Amino acid sequence: DDPVTANVSSWTNTQIVISGLAGAYGLDGWIINPGDALAVDVANVPTGVAAAVFNTLA
């Protein structure tokens, strides 16, 4: 299980728009601060196979 998940408001072949975070976000220190390194994993949910990983800074 993933402790923090994303709320996706739209998804196309060229763009994924994340409108917020859910799950454990905000609990027990699970927050994003400016400058934090982020890794966004896009995976096939039934198989768990990662299709792409995007690394960026908050």
PDB file of N, CA and C in Angstrom:
ATOM      1  N   ASP A   1       0.832  -1.193   0.000  1.00  0.00           N
ATOM      2  CA  ASP A   1       0.000   0.000   0.000  1.00  0.00           C
ATOM      3  C   ASP A   1       0.869   1.247   0.000  1.00  0.00           C
ATOM      4  N   ASP A   2       0.377   2.287  -0.657  1.00  0.00           N
ATOM      5  CA  ASP A   2       1.069   3.566  -0.682  1.00  0.00           C
ATOM      6  C   ASP A   2       0.476   4.466   0.395  1.00  0.00           C
ATOM      7  N   PRO A   3       1.313   4.996   1.291  1.00  0.00           N
ATOM      8  CA  PRO A   3       0.783   5.835   2.363  1.00  0.00           C
ATOM      9  C   PRO A   3       0.202   7.148   1.857  1.00  0.00           C
ATOM     10  N   VAL A   4       0.764   7.710   0.796  1.00  0.00           N
ATOM     11  CA  VAL A   4       0.264   8.963   0.230  1.00  0.00           C
ATOM     12  C   VAL A   4      -0.085   8.714  -1.230  1.00  0.00           C
ATOM     13  N   THR A   5      -1.268   9.148  -1.620  1.00  0.00           N
ATOM     14  CA  THR A   5      -1.713   8.979  -3.001  1.00  0.00           C
ATOM     15  C   THR A   5      -2.102  10.339  -3.577  1.00  0.00           C
ATOM     16  N   ALA A   6      -2.221  10.406  -4.895  1.00  0.00           N
ATOM     17  CA  ALA A   6      -2.561  11.657  -5.575  1.00  0.00           C
ATOM     18  C   ALA A   6      -4.005  11.636  -6.041  1.00  0.00           C
ATOM     19  N   ASN A   7      -4.654  12.806  -5.956  1.00  0.00           N
ATOM     20  CA  ASN A   7      -5.966  13.001  -6.561  1.00  0.00           C
ATOM     21  C   ASN A   7      -5.707  13.528  -7.967  1.00  0.00           C
ATOM     22  N   VAL A   8      -6.069  12.771  -8.977  1.00  0.00           N
ATOM     23  CA  VAL A   8      -5.823  13.154 -10.366  1.00  0.00           C
ATOM     24  C   VAL A   8      -7.098  13.756 -10.936  1.00  0.00           C
ATOM     25  N   SER A   9      -7.015  15.035 -11.386  1.00  0.00           N
ATOM     26  CA  SER A   9      -8.203  15.686 -11.936  1.00  0.00           C
ATOM     27  C   SER A   9      -8.339  15.477 -13.437  1.00  0.00           C
ATOM     28  N   SER A  10      -7.216  15.240 -14.132  1.00  0.00           N
ATOM     29  CA  SER A  10      -7.301  14.904 -15.555  1.00  0.00           C
ATOM     30  C   SER A  10      -6.048  14.150 -15.977  1.00  0.00           C
ATOM     31  N   TRP A  11      -6.190  13.390 -17.062  1.00  0.00           N
ATOM     32  CA  TRP A  11      -5.094  12.549 -17.552  1.00  0.00           C
ATOM     33  C   TRP A  11      -5.218  12.449 -19.063  1.00  0.00           C
ATOM     34  N   THR A  12      -4.162  12.862 -19.784  1.00  0.00           N
ATOM     35  CA  THR A  12      -4.107  12.701 -21.236  1.00  0.00           C
ATOM     36  C   THR A  12      -2.790  12.011 -21.580  1.00  0.00           C
ATOM     37  N   ASN A  13      -2.540  11.818 -22.853  1.00  0.00           N
ATOM     38  CA  ASN A  13      -1.283  11.198 -23.276  1.00  0.00           C
ATOM     39  C   ASN A  13      -0.068  12.075 -23.004  1.00  0.00           C
ATOM     40  N   THR A  14      -0.287  13.388 -22.790  1.00  0.00           N
ATOM     41  CA  THR A  14       0.841  14.304 -22.601  1.00  0.00           C
ATOM     42  C   THR A  14       0.862  15.013 -21.257  1.00  0.00           C
ATOM     43  N   GLN A  15      -0.190  14.877 -20.453  1.00  0.00           N
ATOM     44  CA  GLN A  15      -0.232  15.623 -19.190  1.00  0.00           C
ATOM     45  C   GLN A  15      -1.103  14.919 -18.156  1.00  0.00           C
ATOM     46  N   ILE A  16      -0.597  14.884 -16.926  1.00  0.00           N
ATOM     47  CA  ILE A  16      -1.370  14.412 -15.776  1.00  0.00           C
ATOM     48  C   ILE A  16      -1.477  15.583 -14.812  1.00  0.00           C
ATOM     49  N   VAL A  17      -2.705  15.958 -14.444  1.00  0.00           N
ATOM     50  CA  VAL A  17      -2.925  17.074 -13.528  1.00  0.00           C
ATOM     51  C   VAL A  17      -3.302  16.514 -12.161  1.00  0.00           C
ATOM     52  N   ILE A  18      -2.461  16.815 -11.160  1.00  0.00           N
ATOM     53  CA  ILE A  18      -2.700  16.379  -9.781  1.00  0.00           C
ATOM     54  C   ILE A  18      -3.329  17.542  -9.032  1.00  0.00           C
ATOM     55  N   SER A  19      -4.534  17.325  -8.488  1.00  0.00           N
ATOM     56  CA  SER A  19      -5.263  18.391  -7.812  1.00  0.00           C
ATOM     57  C   SER A  19      -5.088  18.372  -6.302  1.00  0.00           C
ATOM     58  N   GLY A  20      -4.454  17.350  -5.782  1.00  0.00           N
ATOM     59  CA  GLY A  20      -4.236  17.281  -4.339  1.00  0.00           C
ATOM     60  C   GLY A  20      -3.657  15.941  -3.949  1.00  0.00           C
ATOM     61  N   LEU A  21      -3.399  15.800  -2.669  1.00  0.00           N
ATOM     62  CA  LEU A  21      -2.838  14.561  -2.136  1.00  0.00           C
ATOM     63  C   LEU A  21      -3.784  13.987  -1.101  1.00  0.00           C
ATOM     64  N   ALA A  22      -3.778  12.671  -0.960  1.00  0.00           N
ATOM     65  CA  ALA A  22      -4.714  11.996  -0.061  1.00  0.00           C
ATOM     66  C   ALA A  22      -3.990  10.922   0.730  1.00  0.00           C
ATOM     67  N   GLY A  23      -4.758  10.105   1.396  1.00  0.00           N
ATOM     68  CA  GLY A  23      -4.167   9.047   2.217  1.00  0.00           C
ATOM     69  C   GLY A  23      -3.557   9.637   3.474  1.00  0.00           C
ATOM     70  N   ALA A  24      -2.308   9.294   3.745  1.00  0.00           N
ATOM     71  CA  ALA A  24      -1.637   9.722   4.976  1.00  0.00           C
ATOM     72  C   ALA A  24      -1.001  11.104   4.859  1.00  0.00           C
ATOM     73  N   TYR A  25      -1.230  11.823   3.733  1.00  0.00           N
ATOM     74  CA  TYR A  25      -0.616  13.145   3.592  1.00  0.00           C
ATOM     75  C   TYR A  25      -1.036  14.042   4.757  1.00  0.00           C
ATOM     76  N   GLY A  26      -0.054  14.683   5.382  1.00  0.00           N
ATOM     77  CA  GLY A  26      -0.304  15.568   6.513  1.00  0.00           C
ATOM     78  C   GLY A  26      -0.191  14.881   7.861  1.00  0.00           C
ATOM     79  N   LEU A  27      -0.113  13.563   7.880  1.00  0.00           N
ATOM     80  CA  LEU A  27      -0.008  12.810   9.128  1.00  0.00           C
ATOM     81  C   LEU A  27       1.434  12.379   9.374  1.00  0.00           C
ATOM     82  N   ASP A  28       1.848  12.386  10.611  1.00  0.00           N
ATOM     83  CA  ASP A  28       3.158  11.849  11.002  1.00  0.00           C
ATOM     84  C   ASP A  28       4.307  12.380  10.151  1.00  0.00           C
ATOM     85  N   GLY A  29       4.263  13.664   9.804  1.00  0.00           N
ATOM     86  CA  GLY A  29       5.353  14.276   9.047  1.00  0.00           C
ATOM     87  C   GLY A  29       5.290  14.084   7.544  1.00  0.00           C
ATOM     88  N   TRP A  30       4.242  13.446   7.026  1.00  0.00           N
ATOM     89  CA  TRP A  30       4.104  13.242   5.576  1.00  0.00           C
ATOM     90  C   TRP A  30       3.598  14.530   4.930  1.00  0.00           C
ATOM     91  N   ILE A  31       4.507  15.478   4.707  1.00  0.00           N
ATOM     92  CA  ILE A  31       4.167  16.747   4.065  1.00  0.00           C
ATOM     93  C   ILE A  31       5.245  17.078   3.035  1.00  0.00           C
ATOM     94  N   ILE A  32       4.923  17.989   2.132  1.00  0.00           N
ATOM     95  CA  ILE A  32       5.879  18.454   1.129  1.00  0.00           C
ATOM     96  C   ILE A  32       6.240  19.889   1.462  1.00  0.00           C
ATOM     97  N   ASN A  33       7.534  20.160   1.532  1.00  0.00           N
ATOM     98  CA  ASN A  33       8.040  21.506   1.764  1.00  0.00           C
ATOM     99  C   ASN A  33       8.746  21.998   0.506  1.00  0.00           C
ATOM    100  N   PRO A  34       8.799  23.326   0.301  1.00  0.00           N
ATOM    101  CA  PRO A  34       9.535  23.848  -0.858  1.00  0.00           C
ATOM    102  C   PRO A  34      10.961  23.302  -0.883  1.00  0.00           C
ATOM    103  N   GLY A  35      11.392  22.857  -2.048  1.00  0.00           N
ATOM    104  CA  GLY A  35      12.736  22.320  -2.210  1.00  0.00           C
ATOM    105  C   GLY A  35      12.854  20.829  -1.984  1.00  0.00           C
ATOM    106  N   ASP A  36      11.797  20.188  -1.472  1.00  0.00           N
ATOM    107  CA  ASP A  36      11.822  18.732  -1.279  1.00  0.00           C
ATOM    108  C   ASP A  36      11.912  18.019  -2.632  1.00  0.00           C
ATOM    109  N   ALA A  37      12.669  16.942  -2.661  1.00  0.00           N
ATOM    110  CA  ALA A  37      12.734  16.103  -3.859  1.00  0.00           C
ATOM    111  C   ALA A  37      11.483  15.232  -3.907  1.00  0.00           C
ATOM    112  N   LEU A  38      10.861  15.167  -5.080  1.00  0.00           N
ATOM    113  CA  LEU A  38       9.656  14.357  -5.264  1.00  0.00           C
ATOM    114  C   LEU A  38       9.891  13.344  -6.374  1.00  0.00           C
ATOM    115  N   ALA A  39       9.384  12.155  -6.195  1.00  0.00           N
ATOM    116  CA  ALA A  39       9.390  11.134  -7.242  1.00  0.00           C
ATOM    117  C   ALA A  39       7.944  10.707  -7.452  1.00  0.00           C
ATOM    118  N   VAL A  40       7.446  10.904  -8.655  1.00  0.00           N
ATOM    119  CA  VAL A  40       6.081  10.516  -9.001  1.00  0.00           C
ATOM    120  C   VAL A  40       6.170   9.243  -9.835  1.00  0.00           C
ATOM    121  N   ASP A  41       5.625   8.162  -9.309  1.00  0.00           N
ATOM    122  CA  ASP A  41       5.629   6.874 -10.004  1.00  0.00           C
ATOM    123  C   ASP A  41       4.266   6.651 -10.647  1.00  0.00           C
ATOM    124  N   VAL A  42       4.262   6.391 -11.930  1.00  0.00           N
ATOM    125  CA  VAL A  42       3.036   6.040 -12.646  1.00  0.00           C
ATOM    126  C   VAL A  42       3.097   4.539 -12.874  1.00  0.00           C
ATOM    127  N   ALA A  43       2.095   3.829 -12.349  1.00  0.00           N
ATOM    128  CA  ALA A  43       2.145   2.366 -12.402  1.00  0.00           C
ATOM    129  C   ALA A  43       0.813   1.781 -12.837  1.00  0.00           C
ATOM    130  N   ASN A  44       0.865   0.571 -13.341  1.00  0.00           N
ATOM    131  CA  ASN A  44      -0.322  -0.210 -13.648  1.00  0.00           C
ATOM    132  C   ASN A  44      -0.806  -0.781 -12.319  1.00  0.00           C
ATOM    133  N   VAL A  45      -1.937  -0.309 -11.841  1.00  0.00           N
ATOM    134  CA  VAL A  45      -2.404  -0.693 -10.505  1.00  0.00           C
ATOM    135  C   VAL A  45      -2.579  -2.204 -10.339  1.00  0.00           C
ATOM    136  N   PRO A  46      -3.232  -2.908 -11.261  1.00  0.00           N
ATOM    137  CA  PRO A  46      -3.406  -4.351 -11.042  1.00  0.00           C
ATOM    138  C   PRO A  46      -2.091  -5.130 -10.943  1.00  0.00           C
ATOM    139  N   THR A  47      -1.085  -4.717 -11.738  1.00  0.00           N
ATOM    140  CA  THR A  47       0.173  -5.468 -11.733  1.00  0.00           C
ATOM    141  C   THR A  47       1.239  -4.848 -10.848  1.00  0.00           C
ATOM    142  N   GLY A  48       1.117  -3.537 -10.569  1.00  0.00           N
ATOM    143  CA  GLY A  48       2.139  -2.842  -9.794  1.00  0.00           C
ATOM    144  C   GLY A  48       3.379  -2.502 -10.593  1.00  0.00           C
ATOM    145  N   VAL A  49       3.356  -2.779 -11.888  1.00  0.00           N
ATOM    146  CA  VAL A  49       4.507  -2.504 -12.743  1.00  0.00           C
ATOM    147  C   VAL A  49       4.575  -1.005 -13.038  1.00  0.00           C
ATOM    148  N   ALA A  50       5.720  -0.396 -12.737  1.00  0.00           N
ATOM    149  CA  ALA A  50       5.902   1.032 -12.978  1.00  0.00           C
ATOM    150  C   ALA A  50       6.075   1.297 -14.465  1.00  0.00           C
ATOM    151  N   ALA A  51       5.285   2.243 -14.985  1.00  0.00           N
ATOM    152  CA  ALA A  51       5.389   2.623 -16.390  1.00  0.00           C
ATOM    153  C   ALA A  51       6.349   3.786 -16.568  1.00  0.00           C
ATOM    154  N   ALA A  52       6.441   4.653 -15.546  1.00  0.00           N
ATOM    155  CA  ALA A  52       7.317   5.823 -15.628  1.00  0.00           C
ATOM    156  C   ALA A  52       7.561   6.358 -14.230  1.00  0.00           C
ATOM    157  N   VAL A  53       8.701   7.017 -14.066  1.00  0.00           N
ATOM    158  CA  VAL A  53       9.025   7.716 -12.822  1.00  0.00           C
ATOM    159  C   VAL A  53       9.485   9.110 -13.203  1.00  0.00           C
ATOM    160  N   PHE A  54       8.894  10.131 -12.565  1.00  0.00           N
ATOM    161  CA  PHE A  54       9.244  11.522 -12.821  1.00  0.00           C
ATOM    162  C   PHE A  54       9.814  12.104 -11.542  1.00  0.00           C
ATOM    163  N   ASN A  55      11.034  12.629 -11.605  1.00  0.00           N
ATOM    164  CA  ASN A  55      11.679  13.241 -10.447  1.00  0.00           C
ATOM    165  C   ASN A  55      11.699  14.750 -10.618  1.00  0.00           C
ATOM    166  N   THR A  56      11.343  15.485  -9.547  1.00  0.00           N
ATOM    167  CA  THR A  56      11.301  16.941  -9.594  1.00  0.00           C
ATOM    168  C   THR A  56      11.494  17.493  -8.184  1.00  0.00           C
ATOM    169  N   LEU A  57      11.504  18.815  -8.063  1.00  0.00           N
ATOM    170  CA  LEU A  57      11.580  19.479  -6.760  1.00  0.00           C
ATOM    171  C   LEU A  57      10.275  20.205  -6.499  1.00  0.00           C
ATOM    172  N   ALA A  58       9.884  20.258  -5.222  1.00  0.00           N
ATOM    173  CA  ALA A  58       8.653  20.951  -4.836  1.00  0.00           C
ATOM    174  C   ALA A  58       8.877  22.448  -4.897  1.00  0.00           C
TER     175      ALA A  58
END
